[in-house]
Amino acid sequence: MRQFGLIGRTLSHSFSQTYFTQKFYSLGLSDYQYDLFELASVNELPGLLATHPNLVGLNVTVPYKESVMLYLDELAPSATHVGAVNVIERTPDGHLRGHNTDYIGFRESLRRFFPLRPEARALVLGTGGASKAVGVALQELGIAYWLVSRDPLARGLTYADLTPQLVAAHPLIINATPLGTFPRTDECPPLPYEALTEQHYLYDLVYNPTETLFMAKGKEAGAQVKNGFEMLCLQAEAAWDIWNGK
């Protein structure tokens, strides 16, 4: 059996198991299995690997995309570039190699959603591993951006800095926080939503629920909105290629 899985602290929101289980079925891979592994702490990873010798690939979700790097033997250029890992490859000799396919999935999904222009400006909400992947993708697409967080000591802006004028000057707003994820669907980033217009594009990396409160508020203002399901699929396919040596 070849086993794959997802590690994170809380995984009730995830579609990854469904996605890969359906993929295995469609490809006739009856000896392939994908499981969810909720870890109270990332330091449980070595024990998980020791008790599951057939594990050859893992996806990584919040809050371990950065801290998991300490437990890996090497990093692929994608992970080094982003500074976060969302895919782990377990090589035949037992080495753990970290990759980042989040930025690939986001970059390609954004191309299909947002009209790229030289003067484009973006606000990236959050400063964790997901926002790092978003930042790399935006750099590759030539989109200038500010990071936004609650921490006044963090690099970038705070939510208190987001005046209506600043929001108006940034037509692309990306939620790279877990705010609004099932089951806490009544949450959303604290933006001046009244400043949104039909010229705005709101991209939420959250995909469960399919329409978050962040997206709903954007739609009310006439903005274009998109969730992270396409990104999930694109990054998963990139992970699949890694696990199969493509």
C-alpha atoms as a PDB file:
ATOM      1  CA  MET A   1       0.000   0.000   0.000  1.00  0.00           C
ATOM      2  CA  ARG A   2       1.102   3.548  -0.752  1.00  0.00           C
ATOM      3  CA  GLN A   3      -0.226   5.931   1.869  1.00  0.00           C
ATOM      4  CA  PHE A   4      -0.623   9.700   1.700  1.00  0.00           C
ATOM      5  CA  GLY A   5      -2.161  12.170   4.086  1.00  0.00           C
ATOM      6  CA  LEU A   6      -2.687  15.641   5.475  1.00  0.00           C
ATOM      7  CA  ILE A   7      -1.265  17.004   8.714  1.00  0.00           C
ATOM      8  CA  GLY A   8      -2.633  20.000  10.592  1.00  0.00           C
ATOM      9  CA  ARG A   9      -4.148  20.889  13.929  1.00  0.00           C
ATOM     10  CA  THR A  10      -7.818  20.862  12.906  1.00  0.00           C
ATOM     11  CA  LEU A  11      -8.845  19.150   9.680  1.00  0.00           C
ATOM     12  CA  SER A  12     -12.659  19.054   9.732  1.00  0.00           C
ATOM     13  CA  HIS A  13     -12.725  21.751   7.035  1.00  0.00           C
ATOM     14  CA  SER A  14     -10.468  19.934   4.578  1.00  0.00           C
ATOM     15  CA  PHE A  15     -11.498  18.460   1.200  1.00  0.00           C
ATOM     16  CA  SER A  16      -8.062  16.949   0.543  1.00  0.00           C
ATOM     17  CA  GLN A  17      -9.025  13.421   1.551  1.00  0.00           C
ATOM     18  CA  THR A  18     -12.097  13.493  -0.682  1.00  0.00           C
ATOM     19  CA  TYR A  19     -10.090  14.935  -3.558  1.00  0.00           C
ATOM     20  CA  PHE A  20      -7.360  12.312  -3.487  1.00  0.00           C
ATOM     21  CA  THR A  21      -9.667   9.402  -2.688  1.00  0.00           C
ATOM     22  CA  GLN A  22     -11.689  10.253  -5.795  1.00  0.00           C
ATOM     23  CA  LYS A  23      -8.475  10.574  -7.783  1.00  0.00           C
ATOM     24  CA  PHE A  24      -7.262   7.142  -6.679  1.00  0.00           C
ATOM     25  CA  TYR A  25     -10.637   5.634  -7.630  1.00  0.00           C
ATOM     26  CA  SER A  26     -10.659   7.248 -11.071  1.00  0.00           C
ATOM     27  CA  LEU A  27      -7.132   5.972 -11.750  1.00  0.00           C
ATOM     28  CA  GLY A  28      -7.887   2.468 -10.468  1.00  0.00           C
ATOM     29  CA  LEU A  29      -5.293   2.738  -7.685  1.00  0.00           C
ATOM     30  CA  SER A  30      -6.914   0.417  -5.180  1.00  0.00           C
ATOM     31  CA  ASP A  31      -3.758   0.123  -3.078  1.00  0.00           C
ATOM     32  CA  TYR A  32      -3.472   3.874  -2.542  1.00  0.00           C
ATOM     33  CA  GLN A  33      -4.880   5.528   0.591  1.00  0.00           C
ATOM     34  CA  TYR A  34      -5.185   9.124   1.855  1.00  0.00           C
ATOM     35  CA  ASP A  35      -5.753   9.854   5.542  1.00  0.00           C
ATOM     36  CA  LEU A  36      -6.150  12.847   7.829  1.00  0.00           C
ATOM     37  CA  PHE A  37      -3.701  13.216  10.722  1.00  0.00           C
ATOM     38  CA  GLU A  38      -4.594  15.845  13.301  1.00  0.00           C
ATOM     39  CA  LEU A  39      -1.490  16.732  15.303  1.00  0.00           C
ATOM     40  CA  ALA A  40      -1.765  18.698  18.538  1.00  0.00           C
ATOM     41  CA  SER A  41       1.836  19.795  17.935  1.00  0.00           C
ATOM     42  CA  VAL A  42       4.151  19.541  14.955  1.00  0.00           C
ATOM     43  CA  ASN A  43       6.641  17.638  17.120  1.00  0.00           C
ATOM     44  CA  GLU A  44       4.323  14.639  16.753  1.00  0.00           C
ATOM     45  CA  LEU A  45       5.422  14.256  13.123  1.00  0.00           C
ATOM     46  CA  PRO A  46       8.392  11.906  13.732  1.00  0.00           C
ATOM     47  CA  GLY A  47       6.161   9.565  15.736  1.00  0.00           C
ATOM     48  CA  LEU A  48       3.532   9.607  12.999  1.00  0.00           C
ATOM     49  CA  LEU A  49       6.095   8.657  10.370  1.00  0.00           C
ATOM     50  CA  ALA A  50       7.522   5.904  12.573  1.00  0.00           C
ATOM     51  CA  THR A  51       4.118   4.269  12.996  1.00  0.00           C
ATOM     52  CA  HIS A  52       3.152   4.643   9.309  1.00  0.00           C
ATOM     53  CA  PRO A  53       6.042   3.201   7.261  1.00  0.00           C
ATOM     54  CA  ASN A  54       3.911   3.236   4.096  1.00  0.00           C
ATOM     55  CA  LEU A  55       3.486   7.021   4.186  1.00  0.00           C
ATOM     56  CA  VAL A  56       5.205   8.399   1.077  1.00  0.00           C
ATOM     57  CA  GLY A  57       3.648  11.853   0.849  1.00  0.00           C
ATOM     58  CA  LEU A  58       2.028  14.440   3.078  1.00  0.00           C
ATOM     59  CA  ASN A  59       0.205  17.695   2.615  1.00  0.00           C
ATOM     60  CA  VAL A  60       0.657  20.313   5.346  1.00  0.00           C
ATOM     61  CA  THR A  61      -1.938  22.844   6.441  1.00  0.00           C
ATOM     62  CA  VAL A  62      -2.266  25.465   9.190  1.00  0.00           C
ATOM     63  CA  PRO A  63      -0.586  26.048  11.511  1.00  0.00           C
ATOM     64  CA  TYR A  64       2.441  23.925  10.563  1.00  0.00           C
ATOM     65  CA  LYS A  65       3.542  25.191   7.139  1.00  0.00           C
ATOM     66  CA  GLU A  66       6.528  26.995   8.621  1.00  0.00           C
ATOM     67  CA  SER A  67       7.312  25.042  11.809  1.00  0.00           C
ATOM     68  CA  VAL A  68       7.386  21.706   9.940  1.00  0.00           C
ATOM     69  CA  MET A  69      10.525  22.822   8.123  1.00  0.00           C
ATOM     70  CA  LEU A  70      12.588  22.032  11.229  1.00  0.00           C
ATOM     71  CA  TYR A  71      11.698  18.346  10.872  1.00  0.00           C
ATOM     72  CA  LEU A  72      12.732  17.938   7.231  1.00  0.00           C
ATOM     73  CA  ASP A  73      16.015  16.732   5.794  1.00  0.00           C
ATOM     74  CA  GLU A  74      16.027  19.101   2.854  1.00  0.00           C
ATOM     75  CA  LEU A  75      14.000  21.761   1.087  1.00  0.00           C
ATOM     76  CA  ALA A  76      13.217  21.949  -2.603  1.00  0.00           C
ATOM     77  CA  PRO A  77      13.836  25.341  -4.259  1.00  0.00           C
ATOM     78  CA  SER A  78      10.102  26.116  -4.127  1.00  0.00           C
ATOM     79  CA  ALA A  79      10.019  25.779  -0.336  1.00  0.00           C
ATOM     80  CA  THR A  80      13.209  27.778   0.106  1.00  0.00           C
ATOM     81  CA  HIS A  81      11.848  30.525  -2.130  1.00  0.00           C
ATOM     82  CA  VAL A  82       8.534  30.766  -0.290  1.00  0.00           C
ATOM     83  CA  GLY A  83       9.776  30.061   3.234  1.00  0.00           C
ATOM     84  CA  ALA A  84       6.980  27.594   3.920  1.00  0.00           C
ATOM     85  CA  VAL A  85       6.111  23.959   3.129  1.00  0.00           C
ATOM     86  CA  ASN A  86       2.753  22.487   2.147  1.00  0.00           C
ATOM     87  CA  VAL A  87       3.990  19.222   0.581  1.00  0.00           C
ATOM     88  CA  ILE A  88       6.352  16.634   2.048  1.00  0.00           C
ATOM     89  CA  GLU A  89       7.945  13.944  -0.091  1.00  0.00           C
ATOM     90  CA  ARG A  90       9.276  10.862   1.676  1.00  0.00           C
ATOM     91  CA  THR A  91      11.987   9.438  -0.529  1.00  0.00           C
ATOM     92  CA  PRO A  92      12.715   5.690  -0.788  1.00  0.00           C
ATOM     93  CA  ASP A  93      15.690   6.101   1.556  1.00  0.00           C
ATOM     94  CA  GLY A  94      13.448   7.733   4.176  1.00  0.00           C
ATOM     95  CA  HIS A  95      14.555  11.325   3.688  1.00  0.00           C
ATOM     96  CA  LEU A  96      11.942  14.069   3.999  1.00  0.00           C
ATOM     97  CA  ARG A  97      11.970  16.761   1.321  1.00  0.00           C
ATOM     98  CA  GLY A  98       9.743  19.820   1.635  1.00  0.00           C
ATOM     99  CA  HIS A  99       8.092  21.546  -1.308  1.00  0.00           C
ATOM    100  CA  ASN A 100       5.676  24.407  -1.813  1.00  0.00           C
ATOM    101  CA  THR A 101       2.901  23.996  -4.377  1.00  0.00           C
ATOM    102  CA  ASP A 102       0.590  26.569  -2.770  1.00  0.00           C
ATOM    103  CA  TYR A 103       2.186  29.396  -4.689  1.00  0.00           C
ATOM    104  CA  ILE A 104       1.828  27.507  -7.977  1.00  0.00           C
ATOM    105  CA  GLY A 105      -1.844  26.807  -7.334  1.00  0.00           C
ATOM    106  CA  PHE A 106      -2.567  30.379  -6.304  1.00  0.00           C
ATOM    107  CA  ARG A 107      -0.596  31.916  -9.173  1.00  0.00           C
ATOM    108  CA  GLU A 108      -2.345  29.911 -11.853  1.00  0.00           C
ATOM    109  CA  SER A 109      -5.779  30.390 -10.295  1.00  0.00           C
ATOM    110  CA  LEU A 110      -5.250  34.140  -9.983  1.00  0.00           C
ATOM    111  CA  ARG A 111      -4.303  34.375 -13.669  1.00  0.00           C
ATOM    112  CA  ARG A 112      -7.795  33.123 -14.505  1.00  0.00           C
ATOM    113  CA  PHE A 113      -9.529  35.530 -12.148  1.00  0.00           C
ATOM    114  CA  PHE A 114      -7.749  38.872 -12.001  1.00  0.00           C
ATOM    115  CA  PRO A 115      -6.934  40.988 -15.072  1.00  0.00           C
ATOM    116  CA  LEU A 116      -3.184  41.508 -14.853  1.00  0.00           C
ATOM    117  CA  ARG A 117      -2.110  45.119 -15.341  1.00  0.00           C
ATOM    118  CA  PRO A 118       1.251  46.818 -14.728  1.00  0.00           C
ATOM    119  CA  GLU A 119      -0.331  49.185 -12.217  1.00  0.00           C
ATOM    120  CA  ALA A 120      -2.118  46.445 -10.254  1.00  0.00           C
ATOM    121  CA  ARG A 121      -1.895  46.663  -6.467  1.00  0.00           C
ATOM    122  CA  ALA A 122      -2.936  44.111  -3.856  1.00  0.00           C
ATOM    123  CA  LEU A 123      -3.532  43.757  -0.126  1.00  0.00           C
ATOM    124  CA  VAL A 124      -2.627  40.361   1.346  1.00  0.00           C
ATOM    125  CA  LEU A 125      -4.404  39.678   4.627  1.00  0.00           C
ATOM    126  CA  GLY A 126      -2.276  37.548   6.945  1.00  0.00           C
ATOM    127  CA  THR A 127       1.435  36.942   7.479  1.00  0.00           C
ATOM    128  CA  GLY A 128       1.640  33.155   7.861  1.00  0.00           C
ATOM    129  CA  GLY A 129       2.815  30.434   5.523  1.00  0.00           C
ATOM    130  CA  ALA A 130      -0.106  30.874   3.124  1.00  0.00           C
ATOM    131  CA  SER A 131       0.537  34.585   2.745  1.00  0.00           C
ATOM    132  CA  LYS A 132       4.188  33.872   1.957  1.00  0.00           C
ATOM    133  CA  ALA A 133       3.116  31.658  -0.948  1.00  0.00           C
ATOM    134  CA  VAL A 134       0.720  34.357  -2.135  1.00  0.00           C
ATOM    135  CA  GLY A 135       3.495  36.938  -1.969  1.00  0.00           C
ATOM    136  CA  VAL A 136       5.829  34.869  -4.148  1.00  0.00           C
ATOM    137  CA  ALA A 137       3.074  34.355  -6.711  1.00  0.00           C
ATOM    138  CA  LEU A 138       2.289  38.075  -6.790  1.00  0.00           C
ATOM    139  CA  GLN A 139       5.970  38.882  -7.280  1.00  0.00           C
ATOM    140  CA  GLU A 140       6.154  36.498 -10.227  1.00  0.00           C
ATOM    141  CA  LEU A 141       3.063  38.137 -11.741  1.00  0.00           C
ATOM    142  CA  GLY A 142       4.448  41.633 -11.219  1.00  0.00           C
ATOM    143  CA  ILE A 143       1.759  42.738  -8.738  1.00  0.00           C
ATOM    144  CA  ALA A 144       2.883  45.070  -5.948  1.00  0.00           C
ATOM    145  CA  TYR A 145       1.346  44.323  -2.559  1.00  0.00           C
ATOM    146  CA  TRP A 146       1.180  45.124   1.133  1.00  0.00           C
ATOM    147  CA  LEU A 147       0.899  42.530   3.884  1.00  0.00           C
ATOM    148  CA  VAL A 148      -1.810  43.257   6.450  1.00  0.00           C
ATOM    149  CA  SER A 149      -1.952  41.821   9.972  1.00  0.00           C
ATOM    150  CA  ARG A 150      -3.242  42.520  13.468  1.00  0.00           C
ATOM    151  CA  ASP A 151       0.301  42.871  14.807  1.00  0.00           C
ATOM    152  CA  PRO A 152       1.591  46.461  14.783  1.00  0.00           C
ATOM    153  CA  LEU A 153       5.150  45.110  15.024  1.00  0.00           C
ATOM    154  CA  ALA A 154       4.841  42.940  11.910  1.00  0.00           C
ATOM    155  CA  ARG A 155       6.156  44.016   8.527  1.00  0.00           C
ATOM    156  CA  GLY A 156       3.492  45.805   6.502  1.00  0.00           C
ATOM    157  CA  LEU A 157       0.179  47.350   7.502  1.00  0.00           C
ATOM    158  CA  THR A 158      -2.299  46.739  10.291  1.00  0.00           C
ATOM    159  CA  TYR A 159      -6.048  46.557   9.780  1.00  0.00           C
ATOM    160  CA  ALA A 160      -6.276  49.952  11.470  1.00  0.00           C
ATOM    161  CA  ASP A 161      -4.234  51.384   8.571  1.00  0.00           C
ATOM    162  CA  LEU A 162      -6.822  50.328   5.991  1.00  0.00           C
ATOM    163  CA  THR A 163      -8.553  53.587   5.253  1.00  0.00           C
ATOM    164  CA  PRO A 164     -11.219  53.741   2.533  1.00  0.00           C
ATOM    165  CA  GLN A 165      -8.667  55.564   0.348  1.00  0.00           C
ATOM    166  CA  LEU A 166      -6.085  52.802   0.770  1.00  0.00           C
ATOM    167  CA  VAL A 167      -8.645  50.098   0.006  1.00  0.00           C
ATOM    168  CA  ALA A 168      -9.773  52.001  -3.090  1.00  0.00           C
ATOM    169  CA  ALA A 169      -6.183  52.097  -4.344  1.00  0.00           C
ATOM    170  CA  HIS A 170      -5.793  48.297  -4.107  1.00  0.00           C
ATOM    171  CA  PRO A 171      -8.282  46.527  -6.383  1.00  0.00           C
ATOM    172  CA  LEU A 172      -7.083  43.030  -5.420  1.00  0.00           C
ATOM    173  CA  ILE A 173      -7.612  41.870  -1.828  1.00  0.00           C
ATOM    174  CA  ILE A 174      -6.545  38.362  -0.816  1.00  0.00           C
ATOM    175  CA  ASN A 175      -7.584  36.656   2.405  1.00  0.00           C
ATOM    176  CA  ALA A 176      -4.670  34.407   3.393  1.00  0.00           C
ATOM    177  CA  THR A 177      -5.945  33.956   6.956  1.00  0.00           C
ATOM    178  CA  PRO A 178      -8.176  31.100   8.193  1.00  0.00           C
ATOM    179  CA  LEU A 179     -10.896  33.590   9.185  1.00  0.00           C
ATOM    180  CA  GLY A 180     -14.276  32.371   7.962  1.00  0.00           C
ATOM    181  CA  THR A 181     -13.282  28.709   7.651  1.00  0.00           C
ATOM    182  CA  PHE A 182     -15.901  26.117   8.653  1.00  0.00           C
ATOM    183  CA  PRO A 183     -17.175  25.838  11.333  1.00  0.00           C
ATOM    184  CA  ARG A 184     -16.473  29.481  12.298  1.00  0.00           C
ATOM    185  CA  THR A 185     -18.244  30.862   9.262  1.00  0.00           C
ATOM    186  CA  ASP A 186     -19.424  34.040  11.015  1.00  0.00           C
ATOM    187  CA  GLU A 187     -15.894  35.488  11.010  1.00  0.00           C
ATOM    188  CA  CYS A 188     -14.192  37.687   8.446  1.00  0.00           C
ATOM    189  CA  PRO A 189     -11.175  40.010   8.272  1.00  0.00           C
ATOM    190  CA  PRO A 190     -11.903  43.468   9.751  1.00  0.00           C
ATOM    191  CA  LEU A 191     -11.926  45.558   6.578  1.00  0.00           C
ATOM    192  CA  PRO A 192     -13.801  48.770   5.739  1.00  0.00           C
ATOM    193  CA  TYR A 193     -16.095  46.791   3.440  1.00  0.00           C
ATOM    194  CA  GLU A 194     -18.088  49.926   2.673  1.00  0.00           C
ATOM    195  CA  ALA A 195     -15.081  51.119   0.653  1.00  0.00           C
ATOM    196  CA  LEU A 196     -15.332  48.198  -1.797  1.00  0.00           C
ATOM    197  CA  THR A 197     -16.610  48.859  -5.311  1.00  0.00           C
ATOM    198  CA  GLU A 198     -17.309  47.036  -8.551  1.00  0.00           C
ATOM    199  CA  GLN A 199     -13.653  47.560  -9.420  1.00  0.00           C
ATOM    200  CA  HIS A 200     -12.468  45.234  -6.629  1.00  0.00           C
ATOM    201  CA  TYR A 201     -11.519  41.565  -6.811  1.00  0.00           C
ATOM    202  CA  LEU A 202     -11.639  39.548  -3.587  1.00  0.00           C
ATOM    203  CA  TYR A 203      -9.827  36.200  -3.496  1.00  0.00           C
ATOM    204  CA  ASP A 204     -10.323  34.012  -0.424  1.00  0.00           C
ATOM    205  CA  LEU A 205      -7.932  31.089   0.053  1.00  0.00           C
ATOM    206  CA  VAL A 206     -10.651  29.507   2.214  1.00  0.00           C
ATOM    207  CA  TYR A 207     -12.830  27.063   0.244  1.00  0.00           C
ATOM    208  CA  ASN A 208     -15.071  25.663   2.983  1.00  0.00           C
ATOM    209  CA  PRO A 209     -17.658  27.192   2.979  1.00  0.00           C
ATOM    210  CA  THR A 210     -17.815  27.899  -0.744  1.00  0.00           C
ATOM    211  CA  GLU A 211     -18.840  31.470   0.002  1.00  0.00           C
ATOM    212  CA  THR A 212     -17.259  33.016   3.072  1.00  0.00           C
ATOM    213  CA  LEU A 213     -18.489  36.121   4.852  1.00  0.00           C
ATOM    214  CA  PHE A 214     -15.510  37.963   3.333  1.00  0.00           C
ATOM    215  CA  MET A 215     -16.770  37.004  -0.133  1.00  0.00           C
ATOM    216  CA  ALA A 216     -20.411  37.759   0.677  1.00  0.00           C
ATOM    217  CA  LYS A 217     -19.544  41.276   1.821  1.00  0.00           C
ATOM    218  CA  GLY A 218     -17.561  41.763  -1.371  1.00  0.00           C
ATOM    219  CA  LYS A 219     -20.473  40.625  -3.529  1.00  0.00           C
ATOM    220  CA  GLU A 220     -22.773  43.048  -1.724  1.00  0.00           C
ATOM    221  CA  ALA A 221     -20.491  45.850  -2.889  1.00  0.00           C
ATOM    222  CA  GLY A 222     -20.463  44.555  -6.466  1.00  0.00           C
ATOM    223  CA  ALA A 223     -16.923  43.146  -6.310  1.00  0.00           C
ATOM    224  CA  GLN A 224     -15.786  40.022  -8.124  1.00  0.00           C
ATOM    225  CA  VAL A 225     -15.115  37.164  -5.680  1.00  0.00           C
ATOM    226  CA  LYS A 226     -13.416  33.771  -5.797  1.00  0.00           C
ATOM    227  CA  ASN A 227     -12.741  31.058  -3.223  1.00  0.00           C
ATOM    228  CA  GLY A 228      -9.716  28.818  -2.896  1.00  0.00           C
ATOM    229  CA  PHE A 229     -11.106  25.569  -4.308  1.00  0.00           C
ATOM    230  CA  GLU A 230      -9.406  25.939  -7.683  1.00  0.00           C
ATOM    231  CA  MET A 231      -6.141  26.718  -5.899  1.00  0.00           C
ATOM    232  CA  LEU A 232      -6.632  23.566  -3.799  1.00  0.00           C
ATOM    233  CA  CYS A 233      -7.022  21.445  -6.925  1.00  0.00           C
ATOM    234  CA  LEU A 234      -4.062  22.996  -8.737  1.00  0.00           C
ATOM    235  CA  GLN A 235      -1.697  22.656  -5.769  1.00  0.00           C
ATOM    236  CA  ALA A 236      -2.901  19.080  -5.194  1.00  0.00           C
ATOM    237  CA  GLU A 237      -2.091  18.120  -8.786  1.00  0.00           C
ATOM    238  CA  ALA A 238       1.359  19.666  -8.421  1.00  0.00           C
ATOM    239  CA  ALA A 239       1.828  17.624  -5.217  1.00  0.00           C
ATOM    240  CA  TRP A 240       0.726  14.470  -7.032  1.00  0.00           C
ATOM    241  CA  ASP A 241       3.391  15.081  -9.687  1.00  0.00           C
ATOM    242  CA  ILE A 242       6.037  15.455  -6.973  1.00  0.00           C
ATOM    243  CA  TRP A 243       5.013  12.239  -5.233  1.00  0.00           C
ATOM    244  CA  ASN A 244       5.180  10.391  -8.542  1.00  0.00           C
ATOM    245  CA  GLY A 245       8.526  11.784  -9.642  1.00  0.00           C
ATOM    246  CA  LYS A 246       7.211  13.924 -12.493  1.00  0.00           C
END
